[in-house]
Amino acid sequence: MSWCRPGQTVAFLGSSGVGKSTLFNSIFQENSQHTSAIREEDSKGRHTTTARSLRCAVGGFLLMDTPGMRELQLADCEQGVEQTFADVSDIASQCRFSDCQHDGEPGCAINTAITNGTLDPRRLSSYQKLMREQAINGASIAERRAADKQFVKMCKTIQSGKKARKHEM
């Protein structure tokens, strides 16, 4: 509810069955959004919502419920990630090597911060995951095609090597 202030618009985004519509109904204290019971076999929610819904709440904020999504990608978010994880970036700037991968290199300030408890390893993991996503999503079509072409070439090389070894036997 800390996000739900007068003049704010809040949208619920996430996978199918995680409880977005249930939370929406809870905030409005009514069952305006259709929900389904969890599945008995695995205790997971079900995809139910099929359309977006935007409502104005008594507190003067707008709340949007959305159908579940299979995937949500960030694009052009490097600056936002750097701002959100400024602590990680600041520590990383103190590493001995500018291309430090924070994986046991000598002089790694990140590893030191994790060891002495000033940086949570989960925070580093989240930062690295978002930066990997940014690199993939930020790649141009030409870069993606080149990477795909290189991968196919590698697969063909491996397959032809296997065939050659098989004929040698």
N, C-alpha and C. Protein backbone atom coordinates (compact mmCIF):
# COMPACT_ATOMS: atom_id res chain seq x y z
N MET A 1 0.82 -1.21 0.00
CA MET A 1 0.00 0.00 0.00
C MET A 1 0.86 1.27 0.00
N SER A 2 2.16 1.16 0.32
CA SER A 2 3.00 2.35 0.32
C SER A 2 3.12 2.96 -1.08
N TRP A 3 2.89 2.19 -2.13
CA TRP A 3 2.92 2.70 -3.50
C TRP A 3 1.59 3.36 -3.86
N CYS A 4 0.54 3.06 -3.13
CA CYS A 4 -0.81 3.50 -3.49
C CYS A 4 -1.14 4.82 -2.79
N ARG A 5 -0.57 5.90 -3.33
CA ARG A 5 -0.80 7.24 -2.79
C ARG A 5 -1.62 8.06 -3.79
N PRO A 6 -2.27 9.11 -3.33
CA PRO A 6 -3.06 9.94 -4.24
C PRO A 6 -2.23 10.38 -5.45
N GLY A 7 -2.83 10.24 -6.64
CA GLY A 7 -2.17 10.64 -7.87
C GLY A 7 -1.27 9.58 -8.49
N GLN A 8 -1.05 8.47 -7.80
CA GLN A 8 -0.20 7.40 -8.32
C GLN A 8 -1.02 6.41 -9.14
N THR A 9 -0.36 5.78 -10.10
CA THR A 9 -0.95 4.68 -10.85
C THR A 9 -0.08 3.46 -10.60
N VAL A 10 -0.67 2.38 -10.16
CA VAL A 10 0.05 1.15 -9.84
C VAL A 10 -0.50 0.05 -10.73
N ALA A 11 0.40 -0.69 -11.38
CA ALA A 11 -0.02 -1.80 -12.23
C ALA A 11 0.58 -3.09 -11.68
N PHE A 12 -0.23 -4.13 -11.59
CA PHE A 12 0.25 -5.44 -11.18
C PHE A 12 0.69 -6.21 -12.42
N LEU A 13 1.95 -6.61 -12.45
CA LEU A 13 2.51 -7.39 -13.54
C LEU A 13 3.11 -8.65 -12.96
N GLY A 14 3.02 -9.74 -13.69
CA GLY A 14 3.65 -10.97 -13.23
C GLY A 14 3.13 -12.17 -13.98
N SER A 15 3.64 -13.31 -13.60
CA SER A 15 3.24 -14.57 -14.23
C SER A 15 1.79 -14.90 -13.91
N SER A 16 1.24 -15.79 -14.71
CA SER A 16 -0.13 -16.26 -14.46
C SER A 16 -0.20 -16.98 -13.13
N GLY A 17 -1.26 -16.73 -12.40
CA GLY A 17 -1.53 -17.48 -11.18
C GLY A 17 -0.75 -17.08 -9.95
N VAL A 18 -0.10 -15.91 -9.96
CA VAL A 18 0.68 -15.51 -8.79
C VAL A 18 -0.13 -14.71 -7.77
N GLY A 19 -1.36 -14.31 -8.12
CA GLY A 19 -2.22 -13.62 -7.15
C GLY A 19 -2.45 -12.15 -7.41
N LYS A 20 -2.21 -11.68 -8.63
CA LYS A 20 -2.42 -10.26 -8.93
C LYS A 20 -3.88 -9.87 -8.73
N SER A 21 -4.79 -10.66 -9.28
CA SER A 21 -6.22 -10.33 -9.15
C SER A 21 -6.70 -10.50 -7.71
N THR A 22 -6.16 -11.46 -7.00
CA THR A 22 -6.51 -11.64 -5.59
C THR A 22 -6.09 -10.42 -4.78
N LEU A 23 -4.90 -9.90 -5.07
CA LEU A 23 -4.42 -8.70 -4.39
C LEU A 23 -5.28 -7.49 -4.77
N PHE A 24 -5.64 -7.38 -6.03
CA PHE A 24 -6.53 -6.32 -6.52
C PHE A 24 -7.84 -6.35 -5.74
N ASN A 25 -8.44 -7.54 -5.65
CA ASN A 25 -9.70 -7.69 -4.91
C ASN A 25 -9.53 -7.34 -3.43
N SER A 26 -8.40 -7.71 -2.88
CA SER A 26 -8.12 -7.43 -1.46
C SER A 26 -8.07 -5.92 -1.21
N ILE A 27 -7.43 -5.19 -2.09
CA ILE A 27 -7.32 -3.74 -1.93
C ILE A 27 -8.69 -3.07 -2.02
N PHE A 28 -9.53 -3.54 -2.95
CA PHE A 28 -10.87 -2.95 -3.11
C PHE A 28 -11.90 -3.60 -2.18
N GLN A 29 -11.49 -4.61 -1.44
CA GLN A 29 -12.35 -5.32 -0.49
C GLN A 29 -13.65 -5.79 -1.15
N GLU A 30 -13.49 -6.32 -2.37
CA GLU A 30 -14.63 -6.91 -3.10
C GLU A 30 -14.07 -7.88 -4.12
N ASN A 31 -14.91 -8.69 -4.68
CA ASN A 31 -14.48 -9.67 -5.67
C ASN A 31 -14.84 -9.22 -7.08
N SER A 32 -14.33 -8.06 -7.48
CA SER A 32 -14.63 -7.54 -8.80
C SER A 32 -13.84 -8.26 -9.89
N GLN A 33 -12.68 -8.79 -9.56
CA GLN A 33 -11.87 -9.55 -10.52
C GLN A 33 -12.09 -11.03 -10.27
N HIS A 34 -12.41 -11.76 -11.34
CA HIS A 34 -12.62 -13.20 -11.22
C HIS A 34 -11.30 -13.88 -10.88
N THR A 35 -11.32 -14.80 -9.92
CA THR A 35 -10.14 -15.59 -9.56
C THR A 35 -10.54 -17.05 -9.52
N SER A 36 -9.54 -17.91 -9.57
CA SER A 36 -9.78 -19.36 -9.49
C SER A 36 -9.02 -19.92 -8.30
N ALA A 37 -9.51 -21.06 -7.83
CA ALA A 37 -8.82 -21.74 -6.72
C ALA A 37 -7.49 -22.27 -7.21
N ILE A 38 -6.57 -22.49 -6.27
CA ILE A 38 -5.28 -23.05 -6.65
C ILE A 38 -5.45 -24.51 -7.05
N ARG A 39 -4.51 -25.01 -7.87
CA ARG A 39 -4.56 -26.40 -8.29
C ARG A 39 -4.17 -27.29 -7.12
N GLU A 40 -4.95 -28.34 -6.92
CA GLU A 40 -4.70 -29.26 -5.81
C GLU A 40 -3.38 -30.00 -5.95
N GLU A 41 -3.04 -30.42 -7.21
CA GLU A 41 -1.86 -31.27 -7.40
C GLU A 41 -0.53 -30.58 -7.12
N ASP A 42 -0.44 -29.27 -7.33
CA ASP A 42 0.84 -28.60 -7.09
C ASP A 42 0.70 -27.29 -6.30
N SER A 43 -0.50 -26.99 -5.83
CA SER A 43 -0.77 -25.79 -5.02
C SER A 43 -0.37 -24.50 -5.72
N LYS A 44 -0.49 -24.47 -7.04
CA LYS A 44 -0.16 -23.25 -7.78
C LYS A 44 -1.44 -22.60 -8.30
N GLY A 45 -1.34 -21.28 -8.52
CA GLY A 45 -2.48 -20.54 -9.05
C GLY A 45 -2.73 -20.87 -10.50
N ARG A 46 -3.89 -20.42 -10.99
CA ARG A 46 -4.28 -20.69 -12.37
C ARG A 46 -4.43 -19.38 -13.13
N HIS A 47 -4.19 -19.46 -14.44
CA HIS A 47 -4.42 -18.29 -15.29
C HIS A 47 -5.92 -18.07 -15.37
N THR A 48 -6.39 -16.90 -14.95
CA THR A 48 -7.82 -16.61 -14.95
C THR A 48 -8.12 -15.28 -15.65
N THR A 49 -7.39 -14.24 -15.31
CA THR A 49 -7.65 -12.91 -15.85
C THR A 49 -7.31 -12.87 -17.33
N THR A 50 -8.23 -12.34 -18.14
CA THR A 50 -8.02 -12.29 -19.59
C THR A 50 -8.00 -10.87 -20.14
N ALA A 51 -8.28 -9.87 -19.30
CA ALA A 51 -8.30 -8.48 -19.77
C ALA A 51 -7.75 -7.56 -18.69
N ARG A 52 -7.24 -6.42 -19.12
CA ARG A 52 -6.75 -5.43 -18.16
C ARG A 52 -7.92 -4.74 -17.50
N SER A 53 -7.70 -4.32 -16.27
CA SER A 53 -8.74 -3.59 -15.56
C SER A 53 -8.08 -2.44 -14.81
N LEU A 54 -8.62 -1.24 -14.96
CA LEU A 54 -8.10 -0.05 -14.30
C LEU A 54 -9.20 0.56 -13.47
N ARG A 55 -8.93 0.75 -12.18
CA ARG A 55 -9.96 1.30 -11.28
C ARG A 55 -9.37 2.41 -10.45
N CYS A 56 -10.19 3.37 -10.13
CA CYS A 56 -9.80 4.45 -9.23
C CYS A 56 -10.21 4.05 -7.82
N ALA A 57 -9.28 4.13 -6.90
CA ALA A 57 -9.56 3.74 -5.52
C ALA A 57 -9.96 4.96 -4.69
N VAL A 58 -10.58 4.68 -3.56
CA VAL A 58 -11.03 5.74 -2.66
C VAL A 58 -9.86 6.63 -2.25
N GLY A 59 -8.67 6.07 -2.14
CA GLY A 59 -7.50 6.84 -1.72
C GLY A 59 -6.94 7.76 -2.79
N GLY A 60 -7.57 7.81 -3.98
CA GLY A 60 -7.13 8.72 -5.02
C GLY A 60 -6.01 8.17 -5.90
N PHE A 61 -5.84 6.88 -5.92
CA PHE A 61 -4.84 6.28 -6.80
C PHE A 61 -5.53 5.36 -7.79
N LEU A 62 -4.86 5.10 -8.90
CA LEU A 62 -5.37 4.17 -9.90
C LEU A 62 -4.64 2.84 -9.73
N LEU A 63 -5.41 1.76 -9.88
CA LEU A 63 -4.84 0.43 -9.75
C LEU A 63 -5.21 -0.38 -10.99
N MET A 64 -4.20 -0.99 -11.62
CA MET A 64 -4.44 -1.77 -12.83
C MET A 64 -4.08 -3.23 -12.57
N ASP A 65 -5.00 -4.10 -12.93
CA ASP A 65 -4.77 -5.53 -12.90
C ASP A 65 -4.54 -5.96 -14.35
N THR A 66 -3.62 -6.86 -14.56
CA THR A 66 -3.30 -7.31 -15.92
C THR A 66 -3.31 -8.82 -15.99
N PRO A 67 -3.55 -9.38 -17.18
CA PRO A 67 -3.44 -10.83 -17.33
C PRO A 67 -1.99 -11.27 -17.10
N GLY A 68 -1.81 -12.52 -16.75
CA GLY A 68 -0.46 -13.04 -16.55
C GLY A 68 0.33 -13.02 -17.84
N MET A 69 1.63 -12.92 -17.70
CA MET A 69 2.50 -12.91 -18.87
C MET A 69 3.53 -14.02 -18.76
N ARG A 70 3.93 -14.49 -19.91
CA ARG A 70 4.97 -15.52 -19.95
C ARG A 70 6.33 -14.90 -19.71
N GLU A 71 6.53 -13.68 -20.20
CA GLU A 71 7.84 -13.06 -20.11
C GLU A 71 7.71 -11.56 -20.09
N LEU A 72 8.53 -10.93 -19.29
CA LEU A 72 8.59 -9.48 -19.23
C LEU A 72 10.07 -9.13 -19.33
N GLN A 73 10.43 -8.36 -20.36
CA GLN A 73 11.84 -8.02 -20.56
C GLN A 73 12.06 -6.53 -20.35
N LEU A 74 13.22 -6.24 -19.83
CA LEU A 74 13.64 -4.86 -19.70
C LEU A 74 14.47 -4.50 -20.92
N ALA A 75 14.30 -3.30 -21.42
CA ALA A 75 15.09 -2.85 -22.56
C ALA A 75 15.69 -1.50 -22.22
N ASP A 76 16.93 -1.31 -22.62
CA ASP A 76 17.64 -0.06 -22.40
C ASP A 76 17.56 0.36 -20.93
N CYS A 77 17.93 -0.54 -20.05
CA CYS A 77 17.76 -0.29 -18.63
C CYS A 77 19.08 -0.21 -17.86
N GLU A 78 20.20 -0.19 -18.58
CA GLU A 78 21.49 -0.23 -17.89
C GLU A 78 21.63 0.92 -16.90
N GLN A 79 21.24 2.12 -17.29
CA GLN A 79 21.35 3.27 -16.39
C GLN A 79 20.47 3.06 -15.15
N GLY A 80 19.26 2.55 -15.33
CA GLY A 80 18.37 2.30 -14.20
C GLY A 80 18.92 1.24 -13.27
N VAL A 81 19.51 0.19 -13.85
CA VAL A 81 20.11 -0.87 -13.03
C VAL A 81 21.29 -0.29 -12.24
N GLU A 82 22.10 0.52 -12.91
CA GLU A 82 23.25 1.14 -12.24
C GLU A 82 22.79 2.03 -11.08
N GLN A 83 21.68 2.76 -11.27
CA GLN A 83 21.17 3.61 -10.19
C GLN A 83 20.59 2.78 -9.05
N THR A 84 19.83 1.74 -9.41
CA THR A 84 19.21 0.90 -8.40
C THR A 84 20.25 0.14 -7.58
N PHE A 85 21.31 -0.26 -8.26
CA PHE A 85 22.38 -1.02 -7.60
C PHE A 85 23.64 -0.17 -7.49
N ALA A 86 23.48 1.11 -7.12
CA ALA A 86 24.62 2.02 -7.02
C ALA A 86 25.65 1.49 -6.03
N ASP A 87 25.19 0.84 -4.96
CA ASP A 87 26.13 0.30 -3.98
C ASP A 87 27.03 -0.76 -4.61
N VAL A 88 26.46 -1.63 -5.44
CA VAL A 88 27.23 -2.68 -6.11
C VAL A 88 28.21 -2.04 -7.09
N SER A 89 27.74 -1.06 -7.86
CA SER A 89 28.60 -0.38 -8.83
C SER A 89 29.76 0.34 -8.15
N ASP A 90 29.46 0.99 -7.02
CA ASP A 90 30.51 1.70 -6.29
C ASP A 90 31.59 0.74 -5.79
N ILE A 91 31.16 -0.39 -5.24
CA ILE A 91 32.12 -1.38 -4.76
C ILE A 91 32.91 -1.96 -5.93
N ALA A 92 32.21 -2.27 -7.03
CA ALA A 92 32.87 -2.86 -8.20
C ALA A 92 33.92 -1.91 -8.78
N SER A 93 33.69 -0.62 -8.68
CA SER A 93 34.66 0.35 -9.22
C SER A 93 35.98 0.31 -8.45
N GLN A 94 35.98 -0.32 -7.28
CA GLN A 94 37.20 -0.42 -6.47
C GLN A 94 37.98 -1.71 -6.75
N CYS A 95 37.47 -2.56 -7.65
CA CYS A 95 38.18 -3.79 -8.00
C CYS A 95 39.50 -3.44 -8.69
N ARG A 96 40.50 -4.30 -8.54
CA ARG A 96 41.81 -4.07 -9.14
C ARG A 96 41.72 -4.00 -10.67
N PHE A 97 40.91 -4.88 -11.25
CA PHE A 97 40.80 -4.93 -12.71
C PHE A 97 39.44 -4.39 -13.15
N SER A 98 39.44 -3.57 -14.20
CA SER A 98 38.19 -2.96 -14.66
C SER A 98 37.23 -3.98 -15.28
N ASP A 99 37.77 -5.12 -15.74
CA ASP A 99 36.91 -6.16 -16.32
C ASP A 99 36.67 -7.31 -15.34
N CYS A 100 36.77 -7.03 -14.06
CA CYS A 100 36.60 -8.05 -13.02
C CYS A 100 35.22 -8.69 -13.12
N GLN A 101 35.18 -10.00 -13.05
CA GLN A 101 33.92 -10.74 -13.13
C GLN A 101 33.39 -11.08 -11.74
N HIS A 102 34.13 -10.72 -10.70
CA HIS A 102 33.74 -10.94 -9.30
C HIS A 102 33.57 -12.43 -9.00
N ASP A 103 34.50 -13.18 -9.53
CA ASP A 103 34.43 -14.63 -9.39
C ASP A 103 35.78 -15.18 -8.93
N GLY A 104 36.34 -14.57 -7.89
CA GLY A 104 37.60 -15.07 -7.33
C GLY A 104 38.85 -14.41 -7.87
N GLU A 105 38.73 -13.36 -8.69
CA GLU A 105 39.91 -12.66 -9.18
C GLU A 105 40.62 -11.98 -8.02
N PRO A 106 41.96 -11.84 -8.12
CA PRO A 106 42.69 -11.13 -7.07
C PRO A 106 42.31 -9.65 -7.07
N GLY A 107 42.17 -9.09 -5.89
CA GLY A 107 41.84 -7.67 -5.78
C GLY A 107 40.39 -7.35 -6.05
N CYS A 108 39.50 -8.34 -5.95
CA CYS A 108 38.08 -8.11 -6.21
C CYS A 108 37.42 -7.50 -4.97
N ALA A 109 36.99 -6.25 -5.10
CA ALA A 109 36.34 -5.56 -3.98
C ALA A 109 34.97 -6.15 -3.66
N ILE A 110 34.29 -6.68 -4.68
CA ILE A 110 32.97 -7.29 -4.48
C ILE A 110 33.10 -8.52 -3.58
N ASN A 111 34.06 -9.40 -3.91
CA ASN A 111 34.26 -10.60 -3.08
C ASN A 111 34.63 -10.24 -1.65
N THR A 112 35.44 -9.19 -1.49
CA THR A 112 35.81 -8.72 -0.15
C THR A 112 34.56 -8.24 0.60
N ALA A 113 33.72 -7.47 -0.09
CA ALA A 113 32.49 -6.95 0.54
C ALA A 113 31.55 -8.08 0.93
N ILE A 114 31.46 -9.12 0.12
CA ILE A 114 30.61 -10.26 0.46
C ILE A 114 31.18 -11.00 1.66
N THR A 115 32.49 -11.19 1.65
CA THR A 115 33.16 -11.90 2.75
C THR A 115 33.00 -11.16 4.07
N ASN A 116 33.13 -9.82 4.04
CA ASN A 116 33.03 -9.08 5.31
C ASN A 116 31.59 -8.69 5.65
N GLY A 117 30.62 -9.11 4.82
CA GLY A 117 29.21 -8.91 5.15
C GLY A 117 28.63 -7.56 4.78
N THR A 118 29.36 -6.74 4.04
CA THR A 118 28.80 -5.43 3.67
C THR A 118 28.00 -5.49 2.37
N LEU A 119 28.04 -6.63 1.68
CA LEU A 119 27.24 -6.81 0.47
C LEU A 119 26.60 -8.19 0.51
N ASP A 120 25.30 -8.23 0.35
CA ASP A 120 24.56 -9.50 0.31
C ASP A 120 24.80 -10.17 -1.03
N PRO A 121 25.22 -11.44 -1.05
CA PRO A 121 25.47 -12.14 -2.32
C PRO A 121 24.24 -12.16 -3.23
N ARG A 122 23.05 -12.18 -2.66
CA ARG A 122 21.82 -12.17 -3.48
C ARG A 122 21.69 -10.86 -4.24
N ARG A 123 22.15 -9.78 -3.64
CA ARG A 123 22.08 -8.48 -4.31
C ARG A 123 23.01 -8.48 -5.53
N LEU A 124 24.21 -9.02 -5.36
CA LEU A 124 25.13 -9.13 -6.49
C LEU A 124 24.53 -10.00 -7.57
N SER A 125 23.94 -11.11 -7.18
CA SER A 125 23.33 -12.03 -8.14
C SER A 125 22.22 -11.33 -8.93
N SER A 126 21.38 -10.56 -8.26
CA SER A 126 20.30 -9.83 -8.92
C SER A 126 20.86 -8.80 -9.89
N TYR A 127 21.89 -8.09 -9.47
CA TYR A 127 22.54 -7.09 -10.32
C TYR A 127 23.10 -7.75 -11.58
N GLN A 128 23.83 -8.85 -11.40
CA GLN A 128 24.43 -9.54 -12.54
C GLN A 128 23.36 -10.08 -13.48
N LYS A 129 22.28 -10.61 -12.93
CA LYS A 129 21.20 -11.15 -13.76
C LYS A 129 20.58 -10.04 -14.62
N LEU A 130 20.29 -8.89 -14.03
CA LEU A 130 19.71 -7.79 -14.79
C LEU A 130 20.67 -7.25 -15.84
N MET A 131 21.95 -7.21 -15.53
CA MET A 131 22.93 -6.73 -16.51
C MET A 131 23.07 -7.73 -17.67
N ARG A 132 22.98 -9.04 -17.39
CA ARG A 132 23.00 -10.03 -18.47
C ARG A 132 21.78 -9.87 -19.36
N GLU A 133 20.61 -9.66 -18.72
CA GLU A 133 19.38 -9.43 -19.48
C GLU A 133 19.51 -8.20 -20.36
N GLN A 134 20.08 -7.14 -19.80
CA GLN A 134 20.26 -5.90 -20.56
C GLN A 134 21.15 -6.15 -21.76
N ALA A 135 22.21 -6.91 -21.58
CA ALA A 135 23.13 -7.18 -22.69
C ALA A 135 22.41 -7.94 -23.80
N ILE A 136 21.59 -8.90 -23.43
CA ILE A 136 20.86 -9.69 -24.43
C ILE A 136 19.79 -8.83 -25.10
N ASN A 137 18.99 -8.14 -24.31
CA ASN A 137 17.89 -7.35 -24.87
C ASN A 137 18.39 -6.11 -25.62
N GLY A 138 19.56 -5.63 -25.26
CA GLY A 138 20.10 -4.44 -25.91
C GLY A 138 20.84 -4.75 -27.20
N ALA A 139 21.09 -6.01 -27.46
CA ALA A 139 21.82 -6.39 -28.67
C ALA A 139 20.98 -6.08 -29.90
N SER A 140 21.62 -5.58 -30.93
CA SER A 140 20.92 -5.29 -32.17
C SER A 140 20.56 -6.59 -32.88
N ILE A 141 19.70 -6.51 -33.85
CA ILE A 141 19.32 -7.69 -34.63
C ILE A 141 20.54 -8.28 -35.31
N ALA A 142 21.41 -7.42 -35.84
CA ALA A 142 22.63 -7.90 -36.50
C ALA A 142 23.53 -8.65 -35.52
N GLU A 143 23.65 -8.13 -34.30
CA GLU A 143 24.48 -8.79 -33.28
C GLU A 143 23.89 -10.15 -32.91
N ARG A 144 22.57 -10.20 -32.78
CA ARG A 144 21.92 -11.47 -32.44
C ARG A 144 22.10 -12.49 -33.55
N ARG A 145 21.93 -12.04 -34.80
CA ARG A 145 22.12 -12.95 -35.94
C ARG A 145 23.54 -13.47 -35.98
N ALA A 146 24.52 -12.59 -35.74
CA ALA A 146 25.93 -13.00 -35.75
C ALA A 146 26.20 -14.02 -34.66
N ALA A 147 25.65 -13.79 -33.47
CA ALA A 147 25.84 -14.74 -32.37
C ALA A 147 25.17 -16.07 -32.69
N ASP A 148 23.96 -16.04 -33.27
CA ASP A 148 23.26 -17.27 -33.64
C ASP A 148 24.04 -18.03 -34.71
N LYS A 149 24.57 -17.29 -35.68
CA LYS A 149 25.34 -17.91 -36.77
C LYS A 149 26.60 -18.58 -36.20
N GLN A 150 27.25 -17.91 -35.27
CA GLN A 150 28.46 -18.46 -34.64
C GLN A 150 28.11 -19.73 -33.85
N PHE A 151 26.98 -19.72 -33.17
CA PHE A 151 26.56 -20.89 -32.40
C PHE A 151 26.28 -22.07 -33.32
N VAL A 152 25.55 -21.83 -34.42
CA VAL A 152 25.25 -22.89 -35.38
C VAL A 152 26.54 -23.46 -35.95
N LYS A 153 27.49 -22.60 -36.26
CA LYS A 153 28.77 -23.04 -36.80
C LYS A 153 29.49 -23.93 -35.79
N MET A 154 29.46 -23.55 -34.51
CA MET A 154 30.09 -24.35 -33.47
C MET A 154 29.42 -25.72 -33.36
N CYS A 155 28.09 -25.74 -33.42
CA CYS A 155 27.35 -27.01 -33.34
C CYS A 155 27.72 -27.92 -34.50
N LYS A 156 27.81 -27.36 -35.70
CA LYS A 156 28.17 -28.16 -36.88
C LYS A 156 29.58 -28.72 -36.74
N THR A 157 30.50 -27.93 -36.21
CA THR A 157 31.88 -28.38 -36.01
C THR A 157 31.91 -29.56 -35.04
N ILE A 158 31.16 -29.46 -33.97
CA ILE A 158 31.10 -30.54 -32.97
C ILE A 158 30.49 -31.79 -33.58
N GLN A 159 29.39 -31.62 -34.32
CA GLN A 159 28.73 -32.77 -34.95
C GLN A 159 29.64 -33.45 -35.97
N SER A 160 30.34 -32.67 -36.78
CA SER A 160 31.23 -33.29 -37.77
C SER A 160 32.40 -34.00 -37.08
N GLY A 161 32.86 -33.48 -35.96
CA GLY A 161 33.90 -34.15 -35.19
C GLY A 161 33.44 -35.48 -34.64
N LYS A 162 32.19 -35.53 -34.17
CA LYS A 162 31.63 -36.77 -33.64
C LYS A 162 31.52 -37.81 -34.76
N LYS A 163 31.06 -37.34 -35.95
CA LYS A 163 30.92 -38.27 -37.07
C LYS A 163 32.28 -38.82 -37.49
N ALA A 164 33.31 -37.98 -37.49
CA ALA A 164 34.65 -38.40 -37.88
C ALA A 164 35.18 -39.44 -36.90
N ARG A 165 34.97 -39.20 -35.60
CA ARG A 165 35.43 -40.16 -34.59
C ARG A 165 34.67 -41.48 -34.69
N LYS A 166 33.38 -41.41 -35.04
CA LYS A 166 32.56 -42.61 -35.17
C LYS A 166 33.07 -43.48 -36.33
N HIS A 167 33.45 -42.83 -37.43
CA HIS A 167 33.96 -43.59 -38.60
C HIS A 167 35.34 -44.17 -38.34
N GLU A 168 36.10 -43.57 -37.42
CA GLU A 168 37.43 -44.09 -37.08
C GLU A 168 37.33 -45.41 -36.31
N MET A 169 36.23 -45.61 -35.63
CA MET A 169 36.09 -46.81 -34.77
C MET A 169 35.82 -48.02 -35.55
